[in-house]
Amino acid sequence: MERYMMILKSIRRMNPELEQALRENVYPITVPKQAVLHARPGINDNIYFIEKGLFHYYYLKSGTQVSIEFRCEDQFIHLLESFNGRERDPELQIEALENSTLWCIPGTLVRDLYGKYIRFSIQYLEITTRDYLAGMIAADCSRPGEAASNFKSLCFGFPHLLHRVPLKYLSNFTQIPEKELQHLLESPIKLNTYTKRRRRSRPKDAM
């Protein structure tokens, strides 16, 4: 079974008609490294599921990239032009940092299925919720003037990306200079301090 279908079914089980509609209209695409998915209206009106690969969300500010987020396997990229009161910032750029495979869910299909199937409306709500929460967690890694807190949030929220995302992008994302960030990533003691969560102490009454 395709991975995107497994994820959708884990959110809400489907009836045969809904599953058939998805299988007939959702299709895979390959995205080469450094290719960019644009969010401008009229250019992109899709939801993508990342089967394989790594993507970099950024804006251009005075010609300079400002990194705001990263997405990888089993996550969705929401680029519907406008739907259900939700609009995507047209200045957003999404670059593939690796050769990637996506499943494309066309916006026309999303709107059609949303109106026909309550199960799909629940799945769509979960997709948008995950999209929003991922952005909120990412924002905790990019607070101005809070480099130490940003690194801690990066380690807790995205430990799988610490040695996968190129250093220059992580530096931009966390607002930590590359040399300092490199030192933090190469320091086992500091890195373990941030990545290992403390075990909760048992209440005395439970002893």
Protein backbone atom coordinates (compact mmCIF):
# COMPACT_ATOMS: atom_id res chain seq x y z
CA MET A 1 0.00 0.00 0.00
CA GLU A 2 1.25 3.49 -0.84
CA ARG A 3 2.64 5.34 2.14
CA TYR A 4 0.32 8.34 1.77
CA MET A 5 -2.66 5.98 1.84
CA MET A 6 -1.40 4.34 5.02
CA ILE A 7 -1.07 7.73 6.71
CA LEU A 8 -4.56 8.85 5.64
CA LYS A 9 -6.06 5.56 6.85
CA SER A 10 -4.30 5.96 10.18
CA ILE A 11 -6.18 9.25 10.56
CA ARG A 12 -9.57 7.89 9.51
CA ARG A 13 -10.65 4.63 7.89
CA MET A 14 -12.09 4.98 4.38
CA ASN A 15 -14.99 3.54 2.48
CA PRO A 16 -14.16 1.92 -0.90
CA GLU A 17 -15.46 4.87 -2.93
CA LEU A 18 -13.19 7.37 -1.22
CA GLU A 19 -10.17 5.11 -1.51
CA GLN A 20 -10.83 4.56 -5.20
CA ALA A 21 -11.18 8.30 -5.84
CA LEU A 22 -7.80 8.91 -4.22
CA ARG A 23 -6.06 6.08 -6.05
CA GLU A 24 -7.37 7.29 -9.41
CA ASN A 25 -6.36 10.93 -8.95
CA VAL A 26 -3.35 11.10 -6.60
CA TYR A 27 -0.08 10.61 -8.46
CA PRO A 28 3.65 10.52 -7.68
CA ILE A 29 6.17 13.09 -8.87
CA THR A 30 9.93 13.28 -8.55
CA VAL A 31 11.51 16.55 -7.44
CA PRO A 32 15.25 16.94 -8.08
CA LYS A 33 17.56 18.51 -5.54
CA GLN A 34 17.42 22.35 -5.59
CA ALA A 35 14.06 22.44 -7.42
CA VAL A 36 11.58 24.89 -5.87
CA LEU A 37 7.87 24.50 -5.23
CA HIS A 38 6.25 27.92 -5.54
CA ALA A 39 3.28 29.00 -3.45
CA ARG A 40 2.05 31.75 -5.79
CA PRO A 41 -1.62 31.57 -6.87
CA GLY A 42 -1.98 30.21 -10.37
CA ILE A 43 1.28 28.25 -10.12
CA ASN A 44 0.57 25.70 -7.41
CA ASP A 45 -2.72 24.46 -6.00
CA ASN A 46 -1.91 21.10 -4.45
CA ILE A 47 -1.22 19.19 -1.26
CA TYR A 48 1.90 17.04 -1.37
CA PHE A 49 2.83 14.05 0.74
CA ILE A 50 6.57 13.50 1.17
CA GLU A 51 7.36 9.87 0.38
CA LYS A 52 11.09 10.51 0.33
CA GLY A 53 13.22 13.61 0.67
CA LEU A 54 13.88 16.83 2.57
CA PHE A 55 12.41 20.27 1.93
CA HIS A 56 13.44 23.75 3.04
CA TYR A 57 10.83 26.46 3.62
CA TYR A 58 12.11 30.02 3.23
CA TYR A 59 11.34 33.60 2.30
CA LEU A 60 13.48 36.05 0.39
CA LYS A 61 14.21 39.23 2.34
CA SER A 62 16.25 41.82 0.46
CA GLY A 63 17.55 39.03 -1.75
CA THR A 64 18.59 36.85 1.22
CA GLN A 65 17.01 33.56 2.21
CA VAL A 66 15.33 33.44 5.60
CA SER A 67 14.81 29.81 6.66
CA ILE A 68 11.60 29.12 8.55
CA GLU A 69 11.02 25.37 8.47
CA PHE A 70 12.02 21.93 7.16
CA ARG A 71 9.84 18.99 6.16
CA CYS A 72 10.73 15.37 5.44
CA GLU A 73 9.20 11.90 5.10
CA ASP A 74 5.58 11.29 6.20
CA GLN A 75 4.79 15.01 6.33
CA PHE A 76 2.46 17.02 4.11
CA ILE A 77 3.18 20.21 2.19
CA HIS A 78 0.00 22.30 2.03
CA LEU A 79 -0.07 24.60 -0.99
CA LEU A 80 -3.75 25.00 -1.78
CA GLU A 81 -4.35 28.49 -3.15
CA SER A 82 -7.33 29.20 -0.94
CA PHE A 83 -9.72 26.81 0.74
CA ASN A 84 -11.89 26.70 3.84
CA GLY A 85 -10.74 30.16 4.95
CA ARG A 86 -7.06 29.28 4.64
CA GLU A 87 -4.61 31.11 2.36
CA ARG A 88 -0.93 30.41 1.75
CA ASP A 89 1.58 33.26 1.71
CA PRO A 90 2.56 33.75 -1.96
CA GLU A 91 6.11 34.75 -0.98
CA LEU A 92 6.87 31.33 0.48
CA GLN A 93 9.41 29.18 -1.36
CA ILE A 94 9.97 25.47 -0.76
CA GLU A 95 13.24 24.01 -2.00
CA ALA A 96 14.14 20.33 -2.24
CA LEU A 97 17.41 19.75 -0.38
CA GLU A 98 17.55 16.15 -1.61
CA ASN A 99 16.26 14.26 -4.62
CA SER A 100 12.69 13.64 -3.49
CA THR A 101 9.49 11.77 -4.25
CA LEU A 102 6.10 13.33 -3.56
CA TRP A 103 2.51 12.23 -3.91
CA CYS A 104 0.46 15.06 -5.40
CA ILE A 105 -3.13 15.55 -4.21
CA PRO A 106 -4.64 18.13 -6.59
CA GLY A 107 -6.58 21.00 -5.09
CA THR A 108 -9.60 20.27 -7.30
CA LEU A 109 -9.70 16.75 -5.86
CA VAL A 110 -9.38 18.03 -2.28
CA ARG A 111 -12.33 20.38 -2.71
CA ASP A 112 -14.44 17.68 -4.38
CA LEU A 113 -13.76 15.00 -1.78
CA TYR A 114 -14.14 17.44 1.11
CA GLY A 115 -17.69 18.15 0.01
CA LYS A 116 -18.60 14.49 -0.55
CA TYR A 117 -16.99 12.51 2.26
CA ILE A 118 -17.03 13.30 5.97
CA ARG A 119 -14.10 10.89 6.36
CA PHE A 120 -11.99 12.97 4.00
CA SER A 121 -12.98 16.22 5.72
CA ILE A 122 -11.61 14.71 8.95
CA GLN A 123 -8.41 13.66 7.17
CA TYR A 124 -8.03 17.13 5.68
CA LEU A 125 -8.54 18.76 9.08
CA GLU A 126 -5.77 16.57 10.49
CA ILE A 127 -3.45 17.51 7.58
CA THR A 128 -3.98 21.22 8.20
CA THR A 129 -3.59 20.76 11.96
CA ARG A 130 -0.28 18.96 11.50
CA ASP A 131 0.82 21.67 9.08
CA TYR A 132 0.02 24.39 11.61
CA LEU A 133 1.66 22.60 14.53
CA ALA A 134 4.83 21.92 12.53
CA GLY A 135 5.06 25.62 11.80
CA MET A 136 4.56 26.51 15.47
CA ILE A 137 7.30 24.11 16.60
CA ALA A 138 9.62 25.47 13.92
CA ALA A 139 8.97 29.04 15.06
CA ASP A 140 10.36 28.11 18.50
CA CYS A 141 13.72 27.48 16.81
CA SER A 142 13.99 30.91 15.19
CA ARG A 143 13.33 33.47 17.90
CA PRO A 144 15.48 36.60 17.49
CA GLY A 145 18.25 36.97 20.06
CA GLU A 146 17.61 33.58 21.68
CA ALA A 147 20.29 31.36 20.14
CA ALA A 148 20.64 28.98 23.11
CA SER A 149 16.88 28.51 23.38
CA ASN A 150 16.63 28.05 19.62
CA PHE A 151 19.21 25.26 19.66
CA LYS A 152 17.44 23.54 22.53
CA SER A 153 14.14 23.72 20.64
CA LEU A 154 15.84 22.37 17.52
CA CYS A 155 17.19 19.37 19.42
CA PHE A 156 13.87 18.61 21.09
CA GLY A 157 11.65 19.26 18.08
CA PHE A 158 13.79 18.03 15.18
CA PRO A 159 16.54 15.67 16.41
CA HIS A 160 16.31 13.72 13.15
CA LEU A 161 17.40 16.81 11.21
CA LEU A 162 20.48 17.80 13.21
CA HIS A 163 22.91 16.03 10.91
CA ARG A 164 20.72 15.87 7.82
CA VAL A 165 20.06 19.52 7.03
CA PRO A 166 23.13 21.35 5.63
CA LEU A 167 24.82 23.52 8.25
CA LYS A 168 24.22 26.83 6.45
CA TYR A 169 20.46 26.29 6.52
CA LEU A 170 20.41 25.25 10.18
CA SER A 171 22.48 28.31 11.00
CA ASN A 172 20.03 30.57 9.20
CA PHE A 173 17.09 28.78 10.81
CA THR A 174 18.36 29.01 14.40
CA GLN A 175 20.18 32.34 13.98
CA ILE A 176 23.33 30.74 15.38
CA PRO A 177 26.64 31.46 13.54
CA GLU A 178 27.86 28.46 11.55
CA LYS A 179 31.07 27.97 13.56
CA GLU A 180 29.24 28.06 16.86
CA LEU A 181 26.52 25.74 15.59
CA GLN A 182 29.13 23.33 14.21
CA HIS A 183 30.77 23.22 17.63
CA LEU A 184 27.43 22.50 19.31
CA LEU A 185 26.62 19.71 16.87
CA GLU A 186 30.05 18.12 17.30
CA SER A 187 29.98 18.27 21.09
CA PRO A 188 28.53 14.98 22.42
CA ILE A 189 28.12 16.36 25.94
CA LYS A 190 26.18 19.44 24.90
CA LEU A 191 24.18 17.61 22.26
CA ASN A 192 23.19 14.81 24.65
CA THR A 193 22.15 17.39 27.22
CA TYR A 194 19.69 18.84 24.76
CA THR A 195 18.45 15.69 23.04
CA LYS A 196 17.93 13.40 26.03
CA ARG A 197 14.70 14.19 27.79
CA ARG A 198 14.68 13.97 31.56
CA ARG A 199 12.79 11.08 33.06
CA ARG A 200 9.87 12.07 35.21
CA SER A 201 10.40 11.42 38.87
CA ARG A 202 7.87 9.14 40.45
CA PRO A 203 5.60 10.69 43.07
CA LYS A 204 6.60 9.77 46.61
CA ASP A 205 3.16 8.30 47.21
CA ALA A 206 3.83 5.77 44.44
CA MET A 207 7.08 4.55 45.98
